[in-house]
Amino acid sequence: MNYPKMLGMALVLFPAFLFPVSPIHADQGQLDCANMRRAILQLVGDWAREMLFASQEMGRDGWLDGNVARSAFKDVQIAVMHFDYAYEDVPKTRAACRDLAFRFGMEVGTYIEEFMATGTRPPKGIQGAMGR
C-alpha cells in the first residue's frame, strides 16, 4: 500500500468533513462542536492506527523502525490531549470549533504524512496549533 499517497488524499478531502450542513439554532453550535470533535478524533485515530500498522508491515523491510513509530504515535496522543484541552476553552460556535478542528487535523495529518514518507519523526514535531 502507498500510505503517504493515501494520507495525502485524506488531507485533501479533510476540509469536507468540517463544512456545516444544518441550519444554525440556539443549541446547534454545541451539537456541531461535539460532532466536529468526534469526527476529527476519529479521523486522527484512523491515521495514527495506519501509522502503527505501517510500521509493523514495513518493519520487515528494515526501513521503518517500530520504536520510532510508537514514539510518533505517542506524539499524536499528546496532541490529542492538547486538542481536548483547547476544545474545552473554545467558544462553542460552529466557526470556532471548525477552526480548531481544521488546524488540529491539518497539523497532525501533516506530521503523520511526513513520518510515513521519511520513516523518521519530523524535527518540528506537533507544534500545537490549538492557540499556543
Protein backbone atom coordinates (compact mmCIF):
# COMPACT_ATOMS: atom_id res chain seq x y z
CA MET A 1 0.00 0.00 0.00
CA ASN A 2 1.11 3.55 -0.67
CA TYR A 3 0.39 5.05 2.75
CA PRO A 4 1.81 8.56 2.10
CA LYS A 5 -0.35 8.90 -1.02
CA MET A 6 -3.45 7.63 0.83
CA LEU A 7 -2.85 10.06 3.69
CA GLY A 8 -2.25 12.90 1.23
CA MET A 9 -5.58 12.17 -0.41
CA ALA A 10 -7.22 12.11 3.01
CA LEU A 11 -5.74 15.53 3.80
CA VAL A 12 -7.20 16.91 0.57
CA LEU A 13 -10.65 15.58 1.48
CA PHE A 14 -10.31 16.54 5.17
CA PRO A 15 -11.99 20.00 4.96
CA ALA A 16 -15.15 18.40 3.58
CA PHE A 17 -15.72 16.76 6.98
CA LEU A 18 -15.88 20.15 8.65
CA PHE A 19 -18.35 22.04 6.47
CA PRO A 20 -21.62 22.88 8.16
CA VAL A 21 -24.64 21.02 6.85
CA SER A 22 -27.53 22.10 9.05
CA PRO A 23 -29.03 25.50 9.88
CA ILE A 24 -27.93 27.37 12.98
CA HIS A 25 -30.19 27.21 16.02
CA ALA A 26 -29.62 28.23 19.63
CA ASP A 27 -28.15 24.88 20.74
CA GLN A 28 -26.91 23.90 17.32
CA GLY A 29 -23.42 25.34 17.97
CA GLN A 30 -22.77 22.94 20.84
CA LEU A 31 -24.08 20.00 18.85
CA ASP A 32 -21.97 20.97 15.84
CA CYS A 33 -18.90 21.32 18.08
CA ALA A 34 -19.44 17.89 19.59
CA ASN A 35 -19.90 16.36 16.14
CA MET A 36 -16.75 18.05 14.79
CA ARG A 37 -14.76 16.92 17.81
CA ARG A 38 -15.95 13.36 17.36
CA ALA A 39 -15.21 13.38 13.62
CA ILE A 40 -11.71 14.83 13.92
CA LEU A 41 -10.73 12.48 16.74
CA GLN A 42 -11.99 9.51 14.72
CA LEU A 43 -10.07 10.65 11.66
CA VAL A 44 -6.83 11.29 13.57
CA GLY A 45 -7.23 7.95 15.35
CA ASP A 46 -7.57 6.19 12.00
CA TRP A 47 -4.46 7.95 10.66
CA ALA A 48 -2.46 7.07 13.78
CA ARG A 49 -3.57 3.44 13.60
CA GLU A 50 -2.49 3.28 9.95
CA MET A 51 0.87 4.68 11.02
CA LEU A 52 1.32 1.87 13.54
CA PHE A 53 0.17 -0.79 11.09
CA ALA A 54 2.60 0.56 8.51
CA SER A 55 5.45 0.29 10.97
CA GLN A 56 4.59 -3.36 11.60
CA GLU A 57 4.22 -4.20 7.91
CA MET A 58 7.19 -2.19 6.72
CA GLY A 59 9.36 -3.11 9.68
CA ARG A 60 10.13 -6.38 7.97
CA ASP A 61 11.77 -4.40 5.18
CA GLY A 62 14.01 -2.70 7.73
CA TRP A 63 13.41 0.94 6.79
CA LEU A 64 10.73 1.90 9.35
CA ASP A 65 11.67 1.39 12.97
CA GLY A 66 8.77 0.23 15.16
CA ASN A 67 10.16 2.10 18.18
CA VAL A 68 10.17 5.35 16.21
CA ALA A 69 6.60 4.68 15.08
CA ARG A 70 5.48 4.13 18.67
CA SER A 71 7.18 7.39 19.69
CA ALA A 72 5.41 9.21 16.86
CA PHE A 73 2.14 7.61 17.97
CA LYS A 74 2.74 8.99 21.47
CA ASP A 75 3.31 12.43 19.94
CA VAL A 76 -0.12 12.14 18.34
CA GLN A 77 -1.67 11.03 21.64
CA ILE A 78 -0.21 14.07 23.39
CA ALA A 79 -1.52 16.31 20.60
CA VAL A 80 -4.98 14.80 21.13
CA MET A 81 -4.81 15.66 24.83
CA HIS A 82 -3.86 19.25 23.91
CA PHE A 83 -6.73 19.36 21.44
CA ASP A 84 -9.20 18.19 24.09
CA TYR A 85 -7.90 20.84 26.49
CA ALA A 86 -8.27 23.55 23.82
CA TYR A 87 -11.71 22.22 22.89
CA GLU A 88 -12.93 22.84 26.44
CA ASP A 89 -11.87 26.50 26.20
CA VAL A 90 -13.10 27.30 22.69
CA PRO A 91 -16.44 29.09 22.37
CA LYS A 92 -18.99 26.51 21.28
CA THR A 93 -19.77 28.17 17.98
CA ARG A 94 -19.61 26.45 14.64
CA ALA A 95 -16.87 28.76 13.33
CA ALA A 96 -14.62 28.49 16.40
CA CYS A 97 -14.90 24.71 16.59
CA ARG A 98 -14.38 24.31 12.86
CA ASP A 99 -11.24 26.44 13.02
CA LEU A 100 -9.85 24.45 15.95
CA ALA A 101 -10.65 21.08 14.35
CA PHE A 102 -9.25 22.16 10.99
CA ARG A 103 -5.95 23.42 12.43
CA PHE A 104 -5.56 20.32 14.60
CA GLY A 105 -6.37 17.91 11.77
CA MET A 106 -4.06 19.58 9.30
CA GLU A 107 -1.18 19.71 11.76
CA VAL A 108 -1.49 16.10 12.89
CA GLY A 109 -2.16 14.90 9.36
CA THR A 110 0.94 16.69 8.07
CA TYR A 111 3.01 15.23 10.91
CA ILE A 112 1.84 11.69 10.17
CA GLU A 113 2.25 12.15 6.42
CA GLU A 114 5.83 13.35 6.87
CA PHE A 115 6.56 10.45 9.22
CA MET A 116 5.15 7.93 6.76
CA ALA A 117 7.17 9.40 3.89
CA THR A 118 10.51 9.61 5.71
CA GLY A 119 10.35 6.95 8.41
CA THR A 120 11.59 9.45 10.98
CA ARG A 121 9.79 11.71 13.40
CA PRO A 122 9.53 15.21 11.93
CA PRO A 123 12.03 17.53 13.63
CA LYS A 124 9.46 20.25 14.35
CA GLY A 125 7.08 17.76 15.97
CA ILE A 126 3.48 18.71 16.53
CA GLN A 127 3.62 22.38 17.48
CA GLY A 128 0.15 22.63 18.90
CA ALA A 129 -1.90 24.79 16.56
CA MET A 130 -4.54 24.97 19.26
CA GLY A 131 -3.77 28.57 20.17
CA ARG A 132 -0.34 28.32 21.72
